[in-house]
Amino acid sequence: MIFFALWRRGLLRRADGEKMRHFLGLLADPLALSRRYPMWRILSWSRLLCSPRYAAAVATWLEYRMNLFDGVEG
C-alpha cells in the first residue's frame, strides 16, 4: 500500500539518494536528528503494507518532510 500511495503523490520520483539517507539515518552529519532517531523507526511496517488509510497518511507526512528538505515549505 505504501508504494502505491507514494507513487500516486509522485514521491517515488522525488526521492533521491540524499533524502533516502536522511530518512534511514545514514547521513554523515553528526548533528542530524535522523542519525540518532531515524524517521523510519516510528512507522508501523505491518500497517504500511496492509492499511491504505495509514499508508496515505504516511505518504502525506513524507511529502511534507520532502518539501521541508527541498525548501518548499517551512
C-alpha atoms as a PDB file:
ATOM      1  CA  MET A   1       0.000   0.000   0.000  1.00  0.00           C
ATOM      2  CA  ILE A   2       2.751   2.473   0.862  1.00  0.00           C
ATOM      3  CA  PHE A   3       4.429   2.195  -2.534  1.00  0.00           C
ATOM      4  CA  PHE A   4       1.104   2.836  -4.250  1.00  0.00           C
ATOM      5  CA  ALA A   5       0.451   5.864  -2.020  1.00  0.00           C
ATOM      6  CA  LEU A   6       3.939   7.242  -2.673  1.00  0.00           C
ATOM      7  CA  TRP A   7       3.580   6.638  -6.403  1.00  0.00           C
ATOM      8  CA  ARG A   8       0.196   8.438  -6.500  1.00  0.00           C
ATOM      9  CA  ARG A   9       1.727  11.525  -4.869  1.00  0.00           C
ATOM     10  CA  GLY A  10       4.795  11.444  -7.138  1.00  0.00           C
ATOM     11  CA  LEU A  11       7.154  10.969  -4.215  1.00  0.00           C
ATOM     12  CA  LEU A  12       8.963   7.970  -5.658  1.00  0.00           C
ATOM     13  CA  ARG A  13      10.229  10.230  -8.427  1.00  0.00           C
ATOM     14  CA  ARG A  14      11.375  12.894  -5.960  1.00  0.00           C
ATOM     15  CA  ALA A  15      13.178  10.526  -3.563  1.00  0.00           C
ATOM     16  CA  ASP A  16      16.864  10.804  -4.359  1.00  0.00           C
ATOM     17  CA  GLY A  17      19.834   9.275  -2.546  1.00  0.00           C
ATOM     18  CA  GLU A  18      20.319  12.124  -0.087  1.00  0.00           C
ATOM     19  CA  LYS A  19      16.676  12.107   1.019  1.00  0.00           C
ATOM     20  CA  MET A  20      16.731   8.334   1.453  1.00  0.00           C
ATOM     21  CA  ARG A  21      19.928   8.524   3.551  1.00  0.00           C
ATOM     22  CA  HIS A  22      18.233  11.196   5.686  1.00  0.00           C
ATOM     23  CA  PHE A  23      15.145   9.008   6.118  1.00  0.00           C
ATOM     24  CA  LEU A  24      17.221   5.947   7.030  1.00  0.00           C
ATOM     25  CA  GLY A  25      19.554   7.881   9.345  1.00  0.00           C
ATOM     26  CA  LEU A  26      22.704   7.298   7.303  1.00  0.00           C
ATOM     27  CA  LEU A  27      23.797  10.925   6.907  1.00  0.00           C
ATOM     28  CA  ALA A  28      27.397  11.823   7.605  1.00  0.00           C
ATOM     29  CA  ASP A  29      26.278  14.897   9.575  1.00  0.00           C
ATOM     30  CA  PRO A  30      26.629  14.002  13.278  1.00  0.00           C
ATOM     31  CA  LEU A  31      24.214  16.788  14.277  1.00  0.00           C
ATOM     32  CA  ALA A  32      21.327  15.440  12.200  1.00  0.00           C
ATOM     33  CA  LEU A  33      18.487  14.188  14.384  1.00  0.00           C
ATOM     34  CA  SER A  34      17.716  11.429  11.927  1.00  0.00           C
ATOM     35  CA  ARG A  35      21.096   9.832  12.589  1.00  0.00           C
ATOM     36  CA  ARG A  36      20.152   9.293  16.205  1.00  0.00           C
ATOM     37  CA  TYR A  37      16.417   8.656  15.701  1.00  0.00           C
ATOM     38  CA  PRO A  38      15.758   7.850  12.034  1.00  0.00           C
ATOM     39  CA  MET A  39      12.295   8.667  10.725  1.00  0.00           C
ATOM     40  CA  TRP A  40      11.568   5.075   9.774  1.00  0.00           C
ATOM     41  CA  ARG A  41      11.706   3.947  13.418  1.00  0.00           C
ATOM     42  CA  ILE A  42       8.328   5.461  14.267  1.00  0.00           C
ATOM     43  CA  LEU A  43       6.438   3.741  11.438  1.00  0.00           C
ATOM     44  CA  SER A  44       4.474   0.507  11.754  1.00  0.00           C
ATOM     45  CA  TRP A  45       5.604  -1.565   8.776  1.00  0.00           C
ATOM     46  CA  SER A  46       2.756  -4.055   9.023  1.00  0.00           C
ATOM     47  CA  ARG A  47       0.202  -1.226   8.903  1.00  0.00           C
ATOM     48  CA  LEU A  48       2.073   0.378   5.993  1.00  0.00           C
ATOM     49  CA  LEU A  49       1.714  -2.783   3.970  1.00  0.00           C
ATOM     50  CA  CYS A  50      -1.919  -3.528   4.850  1.00  0.00           C
ATOM     51  CA  SER A  51      -3.755  -0.304   5.676  1.00  0.00           C
ATOM     52  CA  PRO A  52      -4.498   2.102   2.789  1.00  0.00           C
ATOM     53  CA  ARG A  53      -5.502   4.866   5.204  1.00  0.00           C
ATOM     54  CA  TYR A  54      -2.282   4.629   7.230  1.00  0.00           C
ATOM     55  CA  ALA A  55      -0.196   4.442   4.047  1.00  0.00           C
ATOM     56  CA  ALA A  56      -1.893   7.594   2.704  1.00  0.00           C
ATOM     57  CA  ALA A  57      -1.256   9.418   5.989  1.00  0.00           C
ATOM     58  CA  VAL A  58       2.417   8.404   5.968  1.00  0.00           C
ATOM     59  CA  ALA A  59       2.720   9.482   2.317  1.00  0.00           C
ATOM     60  CA  THR A  60       1.289  12.899   3.247  1.00  0.00           C
ATOM     61  CA  TRP A  61       3.788  13.156   6.109  1.00  0.00           C
ATOM     62  CA  LEU A  62       6.677  12.143   3.837  1.00  0.00           C
ATOM     63  CA  GLU A  63       5.584  14.683   1.238  1.00  0.00           C
ATOM     64  CA  TYR A  64       5.679  17.389   3.910  1.00  0.00           C
ATOM     65  CA  ARG A  65       9.133  16.230   5.046  1.00  0.00           C
ATOM     66  CA  MET A  66      10.423  16.223   1.438  1.00  0.00           C
ATOM     67  CA  ASN A  67       9.054  19.723   0.918  1.00  0.00           C
ATOM     68  CA  LEU A  68      10.885  20.865   4.057  1.00  0.00           C
ATOM     69  CA  PHE A  69      14.064  19.192   2.839  1.00  0.00           C
ATOM     70  CA  ASP A  70      13.749  20.882  -0.571  1.00  0.00           C
ATOM     71  CA  GLY A  71      12.943  24.282   0.964  1.00  0.00           C
ATOM     72  CA  VAL A  72       9.421  24.488  -0.498  1.00  0.00           C
ATOM     73  CA  GLU A  73       7.751  24.741   2.922  1.00  0.00           C
ATOM     74  CA  GLY A  74       8.946  25.860   6.208  1.00  0.00           C
END
